[in-house]
N, C-alpha and C. Protein backbone atom coordinates (compact mmCIF):
# COMPACT_ATOMS: atom_id res chain seq x y z
N MET A 1 4.59 -14.58 -30.90
CA MET A 1 4.75 -13.14 -30.74
C MET A 1 4.09 -12.64 -29.45
N GLN A 2 2.91 -13.18 -29.11
CA GLN A 2 2.21 -12.72 -27.93
C GLN A 2 3.03 -13.00 -26.66
N ARG A 3 3.71 -14.13 -26.59
CA ARG A 3 4.52 -14.46 -25.42
C ARG A 3 5.66 -13.46 -25.25
N ASP A 4 6.27 -13.04 -26.35
CA ASP A 4 7.34 -12.04 -26.28
C ASP A 4 6.80 -10.72 -25.74
N ALA A 5 5.63 -10.34 -26.19
CA ALA A 5 5.01 -9.09 -25.73
C ALA A 5 4.69 -9.18 -24.24
N GLN A 6 4.16 -10.32 -23.81
CA GLN A 6 3.85 -10.51 -22.39
C GLN A 6 5.13 -10.47 -21.54
N ARG A 7 6.18 -11.10 -22.02
CA ARG A 7 7.45 -11.10 -21.29
C ARG A 7 7.98 -9.67 -21.16
N HIS A 8 7.87 -8.90 -22.23
CA HIS A 8 8.32 -7.51 -22.21
C HIS A 8 7.51 -6.70 -21.20
N VAL A 9 6.20 -6.86 -21.22
CA VAL A 9 5.33 -6.16 -20.27
C VAL A 9 5.70 -6.56 -18.85
N TYR A 10 5.88 -7.86 -18.63
CA TYR A 10 6.22 -8.34 -17.29
C TYR A 10 7.55 -7.75 -16.82
N GLU A 11 8.55 -7.79 -17.66
CA GLU A 11 9.87 -7.27 -17.28
C GLU A 11 9.83 -5.77 -17.00
N HIS A 12 9.03 -5.06 -17.75
CA HIS A 12 8.93 -3.60 -17.57
C HIS A 12 8.10 -3.23 -16.33
N MET A 13 6.99 -3.94 -16.12
CA MET A 13 6.04 -3.54 -15.08
C MET A 13 6.26 -4.22 -13.73
N SER A 14 6.87 -5.39 -13.71
CA SER A 14 6.95 -6.12 -12.44
C SER A 14 7.66 -5.37 -11.32
N PRO A 15 8.77 -4.64 -11.55
CA PRO A 15 9.37 -3.90 -10.43
C PRO A 15 8.43 -2.84 -9.86
N LYS A 16 7.70 -2.14 -10.72
CA LYS A 16 6.77 -1.11 -10.26
C LYS A 16 5.60 -1.72 -9.48
N LEU A 17 5.05 -2.79 -10.03
CA LEU A 17 3.90 -3.41 -9.39
C LEU A 17 4.32 -4.14 -8.11
N TYR A 18 5.54 -4.64 -8.08
CA TYR A 18 6.06 -5.26 -6.85
C TYR A 18 6.10 -4.22 -5.73
N ARG A 19 6.60 -3.01 -6.03
CA ARG A 19 6.64 -1.94 -5.02
C ARG A 19 5.23 -1.58 -4.56
N THR A 20 4.28 -1.58 -5.47
CA THR A 20 2.89 -1.31 -5.09
C THR A 20 2.41 -2.37 -4.10
N CYS A 21 2.67 -3.63 -4.40
CA CYS A 21 2.27 -4.72 -3.49
C CYS A 21 2.96 -4.58 -2.14
N LYS A 22 4.22 -4.20 -2.15
CA LYS A 22 4.99 -4.09 -0.91
C LYS A 22 4.43 -3.01 0.00
N ARG A 23 3.82 -1.99 -0.56
CA ARG A 23 3.20 -0.95 0.26
C ARG A 23 2.00 -1.48 1.04
N TYR A 24 1.36 -2.52 0.52
CA TYR A 24 0.16 -3.05 1.16
C TYR A 24 0.40 -4.33 1.95
N LEU A 25 1.31 -5.15 1.50
CA LEU A 25 1.50 -6.48 2.08
C LEU A 25 2.88 -6.63 2.69
N LYS A 26 2.98 -7.43 3.74
CA LYS A 26 4.26 -7.61 4.42
C LYS A 26 4.99 -8.87 3.99
N LYS A 27 4.25 -9.97 3.88
CA LYS A 27 4.87 -11.27 3.62
C LYS A 27 5.25 -11.42 2.15
N GLU A 28 6.47 -11.85 1.93
CA GLU A 28 6.98 -12.02 0.57
C GLU A 28 6.12 -13.00 -0.23
N GLU A 29 5.66 -14.07 0.43
CA GLU A 29 4.83 -15.07 -0.28
C GLU A 29 3.52 -14.44 -0.76
N GLU A 30 2.93 -13.58 0.08
CA GLU A 30 1.70 -12.90 -0.31
C GLU A 30 1.95 -11.94 -1.46
N ILE A 31 3.05 -11.22 -1.39
CA ILE A 31 3.39 -10.28 -2.45
C ILE A 31 3.54 -11.01 -3.77
N GLU A 32 4.28 -12.10 -3.76
CA GLU A 32 4.50 -12.86 -5.00
C GLU A 32 3.20 -13.45 -5.54
N GLU A 33 2.36 -13.95 -4.64
CA GLU A 33 1.09 -14.53 -5.06
C GLU A 33 0.18 -13.46 -5.67
N VAL A 34 0.09 -12.32 -5.00
CA VAL A 34 -0.76 -11.23 -5.50
C VAL A 34 -0.22 -10.70 -6.82
N LEU A 35 1.08 -10.58 -6.93
CA LEU A 35 1.68 -10.10 -8.18
C LEU A 35 1.37 -11.05 -9.34
N ALA A 36 1.48 -12.35 -9.08
CA ALA A 36 1.17 -13.35 -10.12
C ALA A 36 -0.31 -13.25 -10.52
N ASP A 37 -1.19 -13.12 -9.52
CA ASP A 37 -2.63 -12.99 -9.81
C ASP A 37 -2.91 -11.71 -10.61
N ALA A 38 -2.23 -10.64 -10.24
CA ALA A 38 -2.43 -9.37 -10.94
C ALA A 38 -2.00 -9.49 -12.40
N PHE A 39 -0.84 -10.11 -12.64
CA PHE A 39 -0.40 -10.27 -14.03
C PHE A 39 -1.33 -11.18 -14.82
N TYR A 40 -1.87 -12.20 -14.17
CA TYR A 40 -2.84 -13.06 -14.85
C TYR A 40 -4.04 -12.22 -15.29
N THR A 41 -4.54 -11.38 -14.38
CA THR A 41 -5.67 -10.51 -14.72
C THR A 41 -5.30 -9.53 -15.83
N ILE A 42 -4.13 -8.94 -15.72
CA ILE A 42 -3.68 -7.98 -16.75
C ILE A 42 -3.65 -8.64 -18.12
N PHE A 43 -3.07 -9.83 -18.20
CA PHE A 43 -2.93 -10.49 -19.51
C PHE A 43 -4.25 -11.03 -20.04
N THR A 44 -5.16 -11.43 -19.16
CA THR A 44 -6.43 -11.99 -19.63
C THR A 44 -7.49 -10.92 -19.87
N LYS A 45 -7.28 -9.72 -19.33
CA LYS A 45 -8.28 -8.64 -19.49
C LYS A 45 -7.75 -7.49 -20.35
N MET A 46 -6.64 -7.72 -21.04
CA MET A 46 -6.01 -6.68 -21.84
C MET A 46 -6.99 -6.04 -22.82
N ASP A 47 -7.95 -6.82 -23.31
CA ASP A 47 -8.91 -6.29 -24.27
C ASP A 47 -9.86 -5.26 -23.63
N GLN A 48 -9.89 -5.19 -22.29
CA GLN A 48 -10.76 -4.23 -21.61
C GLN A 48 -10.11 -2.85 -21.44
N LEU A 49 -8.83 -2.77 -21.73
CA LEU A 49 -8.12 -1.48 -21.64
C LEU A 49 -8.62 -0.58 -22.75
N LYS A 50 -9.12 0.58 -22.36
CA LYS A 50 -9.73 1.48 -23.34
C LYS A 50 -8.72 2.46 -23.94
N GLU A 51 -7.72 2.86 -23.17
CA GLU A 51 -6.73 3.82 -23.65
C GLU A 51 -5.33 3.26 -23.45
N ASN A 52 -4.56 3.15 -24.51
CA ASN A 52 -3.21 2.63 -24.39
C ASN A 52 -2.33 3.49 -23.49
N GLY A 53 -2.58 4.78 -23.48
CA GLY A 53 -1.80 5.70 -22.65
C GLY A 53 -2.04 5.52 -21.16
N ALA A 54 -3.11 4.82 -20.82
CA ALA A 54 -3.45 4.61 -19.42
C ALA A 54 -3.03 3.23 -18.92
N PHE A 55 -2.19 2.55 -19.66
CA PHE A 55 -1.83 1.17 -19.33
C PHE A 55 -1.22 1.05 -17.94
N GLU A 56 -0.26 1.91 -17.62
CA GLU A 56 0.41 1.81 -16.32
C GLU A 56 -0.55 2.04 -15.17
N ALA A 57 -1.40 3.04 -15.27
CA ALA A 57 -2.38 3.30 -14.22
C ALA A 57 -3.37 2.14 -14.11
N TRP A 58 -3.76 1.58 -15.24
CA TRP A 58 -4.67 0.44 -15.26
C TRP A 58 -4.06 -0.77 -14.56
N THR A 59 -2.79 -1.05 -14.84
CA THR A 59 -2.14 -2.19 -14.20
C THR A 59 -1.98 -1.95 -12.70
N ARG A 60 -1.69 -0.73 -12.30
CA ARG A 60 -1.56 -0.42 -10.88
C ARG A 60 -2.89 -0.59 -10.17
N LYS A 61 -3.97 -0.16 -10.80
CA LYS A 61 -5.29 -0.30 -10.20
C LYS A 61 -5.64 -1.78 -10.03
N ILE A 62 -5.35 -2.59 -11.01
CA ILE A 62 -5.59 -4.03 -10.90
C ILE A 62 -4.78 -4.61 -9.74
N THR A 63 -3.53 -4.21 -9.63
CA THR A 63 -2.65 -4.71 -8.57
C THR A 63 -3.16 -4.28 -7.20
N VAL A 64 -3.55 -3.02 -7.06
CA VAL A 64 -4.08 -2.54 -5.79
C VAL A 64 -5.33 -3.33 -5.42
N ASN A 65 -6.21 -3.59 -6.39
CA ASN A 65 -7.42 -4.35 -6.10
C ASN A 65 -7.09 -5.76 -5.62
N HIS A 66 -6.09 -6.39 -6.21
CA HIS A 66 -5.68 -7.71 -5.75
C HIS A 66 -5.10 -7.64 -4.34
N CYS A 67 -4.34 -6.61 -4.04
CA CYS A 67 -3.81 -6.42 -2.68
C CYS A 67 -4.94 -6.25 -1.68
N LEU A 68 -5.93 -5.44 -2.04
CA LEU A 68 -7.06 -5.21 -1.15
C LEU A 68 -7.85 -6.48 -0.92
N TYR A 69 -8.02 -7.28 -1.95
CA TYR A 69 -8.72 -8.55 -1.80
C TYR A 69 -7.98 -9.43 -0.79
N GLN A 70 -6.67 -9.48 -0.91
CA GLN A 70 -5.85 -10.25 0.03
C GLN A 70 -5.99 -9.71 1.45
N LEU A 71 -5.93 -8.40 1.60
CA LEU A 71 -6.01 -7.79 2.92
C LEU A 71 -7.39 -7.99 3.56
N LYS A 72 -8.44 -7.89 2.76
CA LYS A 72 -9.79 -8.00 3.32
C LYS A 72 -10.02 -9.37 3.96
N ARG A 73 -9.26 -10.37 3.52
CA ARG A 73 -9.39 -11.70 4.13
C ARG A 73 -8.78 -11.74 5.52
N ASN A 74 -7.84 -10.82 5.83
CA ASN A 74 -7.08 -10.91 7.07
C ASN A 74 -7.16 -9.70 7.99
N VAL A 75 -7.67 -8.57 7.52
CA VAL A 75 -7.59 -7.33 8.29
C VAL A 75 -8.98 -6.81 8.64
N ASN A 76 -9.14 -6.38 9.88
CA ASN A 76 -10.36 -5.72 10.31
C ASN A 76 -10.13 -4.21 10.17
N PHE A 77 -10.70 -3.61 9.15
CA PHE A 77 -10.48 -2.19 8.89
C PHE A 77 -11.24 -1.29 9.87
N ASN A 78 -12.13 -1.88 10.63
CA ASN A 78 -12.86 -1.10 11.63
C ASN A 78 -12.14 -1.09 12.97
N LEU A 79 -10.99 -1.74 13.07
CA LEU A 79 -10.19 -1.74 14.29
C LEU A 79 -9.43 -0.43 14.34
N TYR A 80 -9.55 0.27 15.44
CA TYR A 80 -8.91 1.57 15.56
C TYR A 80 -7.55 1.45 16.20
N LEU A 81 -6.73 2.43 15.97
CA LEU A 81 -5.36 2.45 16.45
C LEU A 81 -5.28 2.29 17.95
N GLU A 82 -6.23 2.88 18.66
CA GLU A 82 -6.20 2.80 20.12
C GLU A 82 -6.40 1.36 20.60
N ASP A 83 -6.98 0.51 19.76
CA ASP A 83 -7.27 -0.87 20.13
C ASP A 83 -6.07 -1.80 19.93
N THR A 84 -4.97 -1.27 19.40
CA THR A 84 -3.83 -2.12 19.10
C THR A 84 -2.65 -1.76 19.98
N LYS A 85 -1.82 -2.74 20.25
CA LYS A 85 -0.59 -2.50 21.00
C LYS A 85 0.45 -1.99 20.01
N PHE A 86 1.21 -1.03 20.44
CA PHE A 86 2.17 -0.41 19.53
C PHE A 86 3.44 -0.10 20.30
N HIS A 87 4.55 -0.66 19.85
CA HIS A 87 5.83 -0.44 20.52
C HIS A 87 6.82 0.12 19.51
N ILE A 88 7.52 1.16 19.93
CA ILE A 88 8.52 1.77 19.06
C ILE A 88 9.88 1.26 19.47
N GLN A 89 10.58 0.72 18.49
CA GLN A 89 11.95 0.27 18.72
C GLN A 89 12.87 1.45 18.44
N PRO A 90 13.79 1.76 19.35
CA PRO A 90 14.69 2.89 19.10
C PRO A 90 15.60 2.62 17.91
N GLU A 91 15.85 3.66 17.16
CA GLU A 91 16.76 3.60 16.02
C GLU A 91 18.11 4.17 16.46
N SER A 92 19.10 4.00 15.61
CA SER A 92 20.40 4.57 15.93
C SER A 92 20.29 6.09 15.96
N PRO A 93 21.02 6.77 16.86
CA PRO A 93 20.87 8.22 17.01
C PRO A 93 21.33 9.01 15.79
N GLU A 94 22.24 8.48 15.00
CA GLU A 94 22.72 9.22 13.82
C GLU A 94 21.82 8.90 12.64
N LYS A 95 21.01 9.85 12.24
CA LYS A 95 20.07 9.65 11.14
C LYS A 95 20.31 10.67 10.06
N THR A 96 20.12 10.23 8.84
CA THR A 96 20.16 11.14 7.71
C THR A 96 18.74 11.70 7.52
N PRO A 97 18.57 12.70 6.68
CA PRO A 97 17.23 13.23 6.46
C PRO A 97 16.26 12.13 6.01
N LEU A 98 15.00 12.30 6.34
CA LEU A 98 13.96 11.33 6.02
C LEU A 98 13.77 11.25 4.51
N GLU A 99 13.86 10.03 3.98
CA GLU A 99 13.68 9.79 2.55
C GLU A 99 12.39 9.00 2.33
N GLU A 100 11.98 8.87 1.08
CA GLU A 100 10.76 8.12 0.74
C GLU A 100 10.85 6.69 1.27
N GLU A 101 11.99 6.06 1.10
CA GLU A 101 12.18 4.67 1.56
C GLU A 101 12.00 4.58 3.07
N ASP A 102 12.44 5.60 3.80
CA ASP A 102 12.27 5.62 5.26
C ASP A 102 10.79 5.69 5.62
N LEU A 103 10.04 6.51 4.88
CA LEU A 103 8.61 6.63 5.14
C LEU A 103 7.91 5.29 4.89
N LEU A 104 8.30 4.61 3.82
CA LEU A 104 7.69 3.31 3.52
C LEU A 104 8.00 2.30 4.62
N LYS A 105 9.20 2.37 5.19
CA LYS A 105 9.53 1.48 6.31
C LYS A 105 8.71 1.83 7.55
N LEU A 106 8.48 3.11 7.77
CA LEU A 106 7.66 3.53 8.91
C LEU A 106 6.22 3.06 8.73
N LEU A 107 5.74 3.07 7.50
CA LEU A 107 4.37 2.61 7.23
C LEU A 107 4.19 1.16 7.66
N GLU A 108 5.26 0.37 7.58
CA GLU A 108 5.18 -1.04 7.97
C GLU A 108 4.96 -1.18 9.48
N ARG A 109 5.20 -0.13 10.24
CA ARG A 109 5.07 -0.18 11.70
C ARG A 109 3.70 0.15 12.22
N ILE A 110 2.82 0.64 11.34
CA ILE A 110 1.48 1.00 11.82
C ILE A 110 0.50 -0.12 11.46
N PRO A 111 -0.62 -0.20 12.15
CA PRO A 111 -1.59 -1.27 11.89
C PRO A 111 -2.04 -1.31 10.43
N GLU A 112 -2.36 -2.52 9.98
CA GLU A 112 -2.71 -2.76 8.57
C GLU A 112 -3.84 -1.86 8.07
N GLY A 113 -4.88 -1.69 8.87
CA GLY A 113 -6.02 -0.88 8.43
C GLY A 113 -5.60 0.55 8.14
N CYS A 114 -4.86 1.14 9.07
CA CYS A 114 -4.38 2.53 8.88
C CYS A 114 -3.46 2.62 7.67
N LYS A 115 -2.55 1.67 7.57
CA LYS A 115 -1.58 1.67 6.47
C LYS A 115 -2.29 1.57 5.12
N THR A 116 -3.26 0.68 5.02
CA THR A 116 -3.97 0.48 3.76
C THR A 116 -4.71 1.75 3.35
N ILE A 117 -5.40 2.35 4.29
CA ILE A 117 -6.16 3.56 3.96
C ILE A 117 -5.22 4.72 3.64
N PHE A 118 -4.10 4.83 4.35
CA PHE A 118 -3.09 5.85 4.03
C PHE A 118 -2.60 5.65 2.59
N ASN A 119 -2.26 4.42 2.23
CA ASN A 119 -1.80 4.13 0.87
C ASN A 119 -2.85 4.50 -0.17
N LEU A 120 -4.09 4.08 0.07
CA LEU A 120 -5.15 4.35 -0.91
C LEU A 120 -5.41 5.84 -1.06
N PHE A 121 -5.42 6.57 0.04
CA PHE A 121 -5.75 8.00 -0.01
C PHE A 121 -4.55 8.83 -0.47
N VAL A 122 -3.42 8.69 0.19
CA VAL A 122 -2.27 9.56 -0.05
C VAL A 122 -1.50 9.15 -1.31
N ILE A 123 -1.24 7.87 -1.46
CA ILE A 123 -0.37 7.44 -2.56
C ILE A 123 -1.16 7.16 -3.84
N GLU A 124 -2.28 6.44 -3.71
CA GLU A 124 -3.06 6.08 -4.90
C GLU A 124 -4.03 7.17 -5.33
N GLY A 125 -4.41 8.07 -4.41
CA GLY A 125 -5.26 9.19 -4.77
C GLY A 125 -6.76 8.93 -4.73
N TYR A 126 -7.20 7.87 -4.09
CA TYR A 126 -8.63 7.60 -3.96
C TYR A 126 -9.24 8.53 -2.91
N GLY A 127 -10.52 8.81 -3.06
CA GLY A 127 -11.25 9.60 -2.08
C GLY A 127 -11.83 8.70 -1.01
N HIS A 128 -12.30 9.30 0.09
CA HIS A 128 -12.85 8.51 1.19
C HIS A 128 -14.09 7.71 0.77
N LYS A 129 -14.90 8.29 -0.11
CA LYS A 129 -16.09 7.58 -0.57
C LYS A 129 -15.69 6.31 -1.33
N GLU A 130 -14.70 6.43 -2.21
CA GLU A 130 -14.23 5.26 -2.97
C GLU A 130 -13.61 4.22 -2.04
N ILE A 131 -12.82 4.67 -1.09
CA ILE A 131 -12.17 3.75 -0.14
C ILE A 131 -13.24 3.01 0.66
N ALA A 132 -14.26 3.73 1.10
CA ALA A 132 -15.32 3.11 1.88
C ALA A 132 -15.99 1.99 1.09
N VAL A 133 -16.23 2.22 -0.18
CA VAL A 133 -16.85 1.20 -1.03
C VAL A 133 -15.89 0.02 -1.22
N MET A 134 -14.63 0.32 -1.50
CA MET A 134 -13.64 -0.74 -1.75
C MET A 134 -13.47 -1.66 -0.55
N LEU A 135 -13.50 -1.09 0.65
CA LEU A 135 -13.21 -1.87 1.86
C LEU A 135 -14.46 -2.22 2.67
N ASN A 136 -15.62 -1.80 2.16
CA ASN A 136 -16.88 -2.07 2.84
C ASN A 136 -16.88 -1.51 4.27
N ILE A 137 -16.50 -0.24 4.37
CA ILE A 137 -16.49 0.48 5.64
C ILE A 137 -17.21 1.81 5.42
N THR A 138 -17.40 2.58 6.48
CA THR A 138 -18.02 3.89 6.32
C THR A 138 -16.96 4.92 5.93
N GLU A 139 -17.40 6.04 5.37
CA GLU A 139 -16.48 7.12 5.05
C GLU A 139 -15.83 7.64 6.33
N GLY A 140 -16.60 7.70 7.40
CA GLY A 140 -16.06 8.15 8.68
C GLY A 140 -14.94 7.26 9.18
N THR A 141 -15.08 5.96 8.99
CA THR A 141 -14.02 5.04 9.38
C THR A 141 -12.78 5.28 8.54
N SER A 142 -12.97 5.52 7.25
CA SER A 142 -11.83 5.80 6.37
C SER A 142 -11.11 7.06 6.83
N LYS A 143 -11.87 8.10 7.12
CA LYS A 143 -11.27 9.37 7.57
C LYS A 143 -10.56 9.19 8.91
N SER A 144 -11.19 8.45 9.80
CA SER A 144 -10.61 8.22 11.12
C SER A 144 -9.30 7.42 11.02
N GLN A 145 -9.31 6.39 10.19
CA GLN A 145 -8.11 5.56 10.01
C GLN A 145 -6.99 6.38 9.36
N LEU A 146 -7.33 7.23 8.40
CA LEU A 146 -6.32 8.09 7.77
C LEU A 146 -5.73 9.04 8.80
N ASN A 147 -6.57 9.65 9.60
CA ASN A 147 -6.09 10.55 10.63
C ASN A 147 -5.19 9.83 11.62
N ALA A 148 -5.58 8.63 12.01
CA ALA A 148 -4.77 7.84 12.93
C ALA A 148 -3.42 7.50 12.30
N ALA A 149 -3.42 7.16 11.02
CA ALA A 149 -2.17 6.84 10.33
C ALA A 149 -1.25 8.06 10.28
N LYS A 150 -1.81 9.21 9.93
CA LYS A 150 -1.00 10.43 9.87
C LYS A 150 -0.42 10.78 11.24
N THR A 151 -1.25 10.66 12.27
CA THR A 151 -0.79 10.97 13.63
C THR A 151 0.33 10.02 14.04
N LYS A 152 0.15 8.74 13.81
CA LYS A 152 1.16 7.76 14.20
C LYS A 152 2.44 7.95 13.39
N LEU A 153 2.32 8.22 12.10
CA LEU A 153 3.51 8.47 11.28
C LEU A 153 4.26 9.71 11.75
N LYS A 154 3.52 10.75 12.07
CA LYS A 154 4.14 11.98 12.57
C LYS A 154 4.89 11.68 13.87
N ASP A 155 4.26 10.94 14.78
CA ASP A 155 4.91 10.56 16.04
C ASP A 155 6.17 9.75 15.78
N LEU A 156 6.09 8.80 14.87
CA LEU A 156 7.26 7.97 14.55
C LEU A 156 8.39 8.80 13.97
N VAL A 157 8.05 9.68 13.05
CA VAL A 157 9.07 10.55 12.44
C VAL A 157 9.73 11.40 13.51
N ASN A 158 8.92 12.01 14.36
CA ASN A 158 9.48 12.86 15.41
C ASN A 158 10.34 12.07 16.38
N GLN A 159 9.90 10.90 16.77
CA GLN A 159 10.66 10.11 17.74
C GLN A 159 11.90 9.47 17.16
N LEU A 160 11.82 9.00 15.93
CA LEU A 160 12.93 8.23 15.37
C LEU A 160 13.91 9.06 14.54
N TYR A 161 13.47 10.21 14.06
CA TYR A 161 14.33 10.97 13.15
C TYR A 161 14.73 12.34 13.68
N TYR A 162 13.87 12.94 14.47
CA TYR A 162 14.16 14.33 14.85
C TYR A 162 14.37 14.55 16.33
N GLN A 163 14.29 13.50 17.12
CA GLN A 163 14.54 13.66 18.55
C GLN A 163 16.02 13.45 18.80
N LYS A 164 16.61 14.35 19.53
CA LYS A 164 18.05 14.28 19.82
C LYS A 164 18.35 13.14 20.79
N ALA A 165 19.46 12.47 20.54
CA ALA A 165 19.90 11.41 21.46
C ALA A 165 20.36 12.05 22.76
N LYS A 166 20.03 11.41 23.86
CA LYS A 166 20.38 11.97 25.17
C LYS A 166 21.68 11.43 25.66
């Protein structure tokens, strides 16, 4: 019976948690590995869930933590946007209105540190103090990276979606 319940949870939650991983990680192999690790944690720590109604948020938090662990091995969160090379590839001039999926694609174009902090603050709802603790950075670095991410996203949106073709 427990295997059937686990299979049901996996089938229901894996698409949602996959999208969460995709917001943080680029490589498919990393996404799959982190997702597998997250489900292992979910299934082995199920007894730690205090409220059944909070299951989805609890699983997302576990998944985000696994993504952050993966990122911390490879990303310098103290690296600022000005320190990175950034090239914008032109898009086709005929664009439809900006959709959520378009924003997620634009997020893939900004440096990992900015993207991670943007995801944690804007999408996951963490505060700068929590982000600083999670990533072992200062609150000021978190705020600076968020500001850099917003600025770069705004520039990308303006250049790729709202600038008229000449």
